[in-house]
Amino acid sequence: MGRLRTLSGDAVVAILREFDFVPVSQRGSHMKLRRVMGQGQAQSLTVPRHRELDRGTLQALFRQACRFIPEAELRRWFFAD
């Protein structure tokens, strides 16, 4: 695996918007994103909107997003190879 990029919360939100996730709520600095699939199945992710996300937080967001989006499509956004 390559090296994890340094990303902000807003950058992660922008990446997830590319995959049809839309913001549905925000409480404090945490934004909840959701997309609804063809059969009404909702997929949700929560992203902290910090200036710079810790590597562990970014890795956890990547793993969670991989539940809904193929890893091959997410890698180019999260990792510098």
N, C-alpha and C. Protein backbone atom coordinates (compact mmCIF):
# COMPACT_ATOMS: atom_id res chain seq x y z
N MET A 1 0.84 -1.17 0.00
CA MET A 1 0.00 0.00 0.00
C MET A 1 0.89 1.23 0.00
N GLY A 2 0.45 2.29 -0.60
CA GLY A 2 1.23 3.52 -0.66
C GLY A 2 1.16 4.30 0.63
N ARG A 3 1.65 5.49 0.55
CA ARG A 3 1.67 6.38 1.71
C ARG A 3 0.36 7.16 1.78
N LEU A 4 -0.20 7.25 2.96
CA LEU A 4 -1.46 7.95 3.18
C LEU A 4 -1.25 9.45 3.00
N ARG A 5 -2.11 10.10 2.24
CA ARG A 5 -2.01 11.55 2.04
C ARG A 5 -2.43 12.29 3.30
N THR A 6 -2.08 13.56 3.38
CA THR A 6 -2.56 14.43 4.43
C THR A 6 -3.79 15.14 3.88
N LEU A 7 -4.94 14.90 4.49
CA LEU A 7 -6.19 15.47 3.99
C LEU A 7 -6.94 16.18 5.11
N SER A 8 -7.73 17.16 4.72
CA SER A 8 -8.61 17.84 5.67
C SER A 8 -9.97 17.15 5.64
N GLY A 9 -10.80 17.46 6.61
CA GLY A 9 -12.15 16.92 6.62
C GLY A 9 -12.94 17.38 5.41
N ASP A 10 -12.77 18.65 5.01
CA ASP A 10 -13.47 19.16 3.83
C ASP A 10 -13.04 18.42 2.57
N ALA A 11 -11.75 18.06 2.48
CA ALA A 11 -11.26 17.32 1.32
C ALA A 11 -11.91 15.93 1.26
N VAL A 12 -12.06 15.28 2.41
CA VAL A 12 -12.69 13.95 2.46
C VAL A 12 -14.16 14.07 2.07
N VAL A 13 -14.83 15.12 2.54
CA VAL A 13 -16.23 15.34 2.16
C VAL A 13 -16.33 15.51 0.65
N ALA A 14 -15.42 16.27 0.05
CA ALA A 14 -15.42 16.48 -1.40
C ALA A 14 -15.19 15.16 -2.15
N ILE A 15 -14.30 14.32 -1.63
CA ILE A 15 -14.04 13.01 -2.25
C ILE A 15 -15.30 12.16 -2.21
N LEU A 16 -15.95 12.12 -1.06
CA LEU A 16 -17.15 11.29 -0.92
C LEU A 16 -18.32 11.83 -1.75
N ARG A 17 -18.34 13.12 -2.00
CA ARG A 17 -19.37 13.68 -2.88
C ARG A 17 -19.21 13.16 -4.30
N GLU A 18 -17.99 12.84 -4.70
CA GLU A 18 -17.74 12.25 -6.02
C GLU A 18 -18.45 10.90 -6.15
N PHE A 19 -18.73 10.25 -5.03
CA PHE A 19 -19.39 8.95 -5.01
C PHE A 19 -20.84 9.06 -4.58
N ASP A 20 -21.42 10.24 -4.78
CA ASP A 20 -22.85 10.51 -4.55
C ASP A 20 -23.26 10.57 -3.08
N PHE A 21 -22.33 10.75 -2.16
CA PHE A 21 -22.69 11.00 -0.77
C PHE A 21 -23.04 12.47 -0.63
N VAL A 22 -24.10 12.77 0.11
CA VAL A 22 -24.50 14.16 0.32
C VAL A 22 -24.59 14.44 1.82
N PRO A 23 -24.24 15.64 2.24
CA PRO A 23 -24.36 16.00 3.65
C PRO A 23 -25.83 16.02 4.07
N VAL A 24 -26.13 15.41 5.20
CA VAL A 24 -27.51 15.41 5.70
C VAL A 24 -27.63 16.13 7.05
N SER A 25 -26.54 16.18 7.81
CA SER A 25 -26.57 16.90 9.07
C SER A 25 -25.16 17.18 9.54
N GLN A 26 -25.07 18.10 10.49
CA GLN A 26 -23.79 18.40 11.10
C GLN A 26 -24.03 18.76 12.55
N ARG A 27 -23.22 18.21 13.41
CA ARG A 27 -23.29 18.53 14.82
C ARG A 27 -21.88 18.86 15.26
N GLY A 28 -21.65 20.09 15.61
CA GLY A 28 -20.29 20.52 15.95
C GLY A 28 -19.43 20.45 14.70
N SER A 29 -18.30 19.78 14.80
CA SER A 29 -17.40 19.68 13.65
C SER A 29 -17.57 18.39 12.87
N HIS A 30 -18.56 17.58 13.22
CA HIS A 30 -18.76 16.30 12.55
C HIS A 30 -19.94 16.36 11.58
N MET A 31 -19.67 15.99 10.33
CA MET A 31 -20.70 16.02 9.30
C MET A 31 -21.11 14.60 8.94
N LYS A 32 -22.40 14.37 8.87
CA LYS A 32 -22.92 13.06 8.48
C LYS A 32 -23.26 13.12 6.99
N LEU A 33 -22.73 12.16 6.24
CA LEU A 33 -22.97 12.05 4.81
C LEU A 33 -23.76 10.78 4.55
N ARG A 34 -24.64 10.84 3.56
CA ARG A 34 -25.47 9.67 3.26
C ARG A 34 -25.71 9.60 1.76
N ARG A 35 -25.84 8.38 1.29
CA ARG A 35 -26.33 8.16 -0.07
C ARG A 35 -27.34 7.02 -0.01
N VAL A 36 -28.34 7.12 -0.87
CA VAL A 36 -29.40 6.12 -0.91
C VAL A 36 -29.23 5.33 -2.20
N MET A 37 -29.14 4.02 -2.05
CA MET A 37 -28.95 3.14 -3.20
C MET A 37 -30.30 2.83 -3.85
N GLY A 38 -30.27 2.13 -4.96
CA GLY A 38 -31.44 1.86 -5.77
C GLY A 38 -32.63 1.27 -5.04
N GLN A 39 -32.42 0.41 -4.09
CA GLN A 39 -33.53 -0.26 -3.40
C GLN A 39 -33.87 0.43 -2.08
N GLY A 40 -33.50 1.70 -1.94
CA GLY A 40 -33.80 2.45 -0.74
C GLY A 40 -32.85 2.21 0.42
N GLN A 41 -31.78 1.48 0.17
CA GLN A 41 -30.79 1.19 1.21
C GLN A 41 -29.90 2.41 1.43
N ALA A 42 -29.87 2.93 2.66
CA ALA A 42 -29.07 4.11 2.98
C ALA A 42 -27.69 3.69 3.48
N GLN A 43 -26.68 4.41 3.02
CA GLN A 43 -25.30 4.20 3.45
C GLN A 43 -24.83 5.50 4.07
N SER A 44 -24.30 5.45 5.30
CA SER A 44 -23.92 6.66 6.02
C SER A 44 -22.47 6.61 6.48
N LEU A 45 -21.84 7.77 6.47
CA LEU A 45 -20.48 7.94 6.99
C LEU A 45 -20.44 9.26 7.75
N THR A 46 -19.64 9.33 8.80
CA THR A 46 -19.47 10.56 9.56
C THR A 46 -18.01 11.00 9.42
N VAL A 47 -17.83 12.27 9.06
CA VAL A 47 -16.50 12.82 8.81
C VAL A 47 -16.26 14.03 9.71
N PRO A 48 -15.17 14.03 10.49
CA PRO A 48 -14.84 15.22 11.27
C PRO A 48 -14.28 16.29 10.32
N ARG A 49 -14.80 17.50 10.38
CA ARG A 49 -14.37 18.55 9.48
C ARG A 49 -13.23 19.35 10.12
N HIS A 50 -12.11 18.70 10.34
CA HIS A 50 -10.94 19.35 10.91
C HIS A 50 -10.00 19.78 9.79
N ARG A 51 -9.13 20.75 10.10
CA ARG A 51 -8.18 21.24 9.08
C ARG A 51 -7.28 20.14 8.56
N GLU A 52 -6.81 19.31 9.47
CA GLU A 52 -5.96 18.18 9.09
C GLU A 52 -6.37 16.98 9.92
N LEU A 53 -6.70 15.89 9.25
CA LEU A 53 -7.11 14.68 9.95
C LEU A 53 -5.89 13.87 10.36
N ASP A 54 -5.93 13.31 11.56
CA ASP A 54 -4.87 12.42 12.01
C ASP A 54 -4.82 11.21 11.09
N ARG A 55 -3.65 10.60 10.97
CA ARG A 55 -3.49 9.44 10.08
C ARG A 55 -4.42 8.30 10.48
N GLY A 56 -4.55 8.04 11.76
CA GLY A 56 -5.42 6.97 12.22
C GLY A 56 -6.88 7.23 11.88
N THR A 57 -7.30 8.47 12.01
CA THR A 57 -8.67 8.85 11.66
C THR A 57 -8.89 8.70 10.17
N LEU A 58 -7.92 9.14 9.39
CA LEU A 58 -8.03 9.03 7.93
C LEU A 58 -8.06 7.57 7.49
N GLN A 59 -7.23 6.74 8.12
CA GLN A 59 -7.23 5.31 7.81
C GLN A 59 -8.57 4.68 8.15
N ALA A 60 -9.15 5.07 9.29
CA ALA A 60 -10.45 4.54 9.70
C ALA A 60 -11.54 4.97 8.72
N LEU A 61 -11.51 6.22 8.27
CA LEU A 61 -12.48 6.69 7.28
C LEU A 61 -12.35 5.93 5.97
N PHE A 62 -11.11 5.66 5.57
CA PHE A 62 -10.87 4.89 4.35
C PHE A 62 -11.48 3.50 4.47
N ARG A 63 -11.22 2.82 5.60
CA ARG A 63 -11.76 1.48 5.81
C ARG A 63 -13.29 1.48 5.82
N GLN A 64 -13.88 2.48 6.47
CA GLN A 64 -15.33 2.56 6.53
C GLN A 64 -15.92 2.82 5.14
N ALA A 65 -15.29 3.70 4.38
CA ALA A 65 -15.79 3.99 3.04
C ALA A 65 -15.65 2.78 2.12
N CYS A 66 -14.66 1.93 2.38
CA CYS A 66 -14.47 0.73 1.57
C CYS A 66 -15.61 -0.28 1.75
N ARG A 67 -16.41 -0.11 2.77
CA ARG A 67 -17.60 -0.97 2.92
C ARG A 67 -18.60 -0.69 1.80
N PHE A 68 -18.59 0.55 1.29
CA PHE A 68 -19.59 0.98 0.31
C PHE A 68 -19.01 1.23 -1.08
N ILE A 69 -17.72 1.56 -1.14
CA ILE A 69 -17.06 1.93 -2.40
C ILE A 69 -15.88 0.98 -2.59
N PRO A 70 -15.69 0.45 -3.80
CA PRO A 70 -14.54 -0.45 -4.03
C PRO A 70 -13.21 0.23 -3.69
N GLU A 71 -12.34 -0.50 -3.02
CA GLU A 71 -11.06 0.04 -2.58
C GLU A 71 -10.25 0.60 -3.74
N ALA A 72 -10.29 -0.06 -4.89
CA ALA A 72 -9.52 0.39 -6.05
C ALA A 72 -9.93 1.80 -6.48
N GLU A 73 -11.19 2.16 -6.30
CA GLU A 73 -11.65 3.49 -6.68
C GLU A 73 -11.28 4.55 -5.65
N LEU A 74 -11.13 4.16 -4.40
CA LEU A 74 -10.79 5.11 -3.33
C LEU A 74 -9.30 5.35 -3.17
N ARG A 75 -8.49 4.36 -3.51
CA ARG A 75 -7.04 4.43 -3.28
C ARG A 75 -6.42 5.69 -3.84
N ARG A 76 -6.77 6.06 -5.06
CA ARG A 76 -6.10 7.21 -5.70
C ARG A 76 -6.38 8.52 -4.97
N TRP A 77 -7.49 8.57 -4.21
CA TRP A 77 -7.83 9.78 -3.47
C TRP A 77 -7.12 9.84 -2.11
N PHE A 78 -6.93 8.69 -1.47
CA PHE A 78 -6.41 8.65 -0.12
C PHE A 78 -4.91 8.36 -0.02
N PHE A 79 -4.33 7.77 -1.06
CA PHE A 79 -2.93 7.35 -0.99
C PHE A 79 -2.11 7.97 -2.12
N ALA A 80 -0.87 8.35 -1.77
CA ALA A 80 0.08 8.82 -2.76
C ALA A 80 1.01 7.65 -3.07
N ASP A 81 0.94 7.12 -4.26
CA ASP A 81 1.75 5.94 -4.60
C ASP A 81 3.07 6.30 -5.22
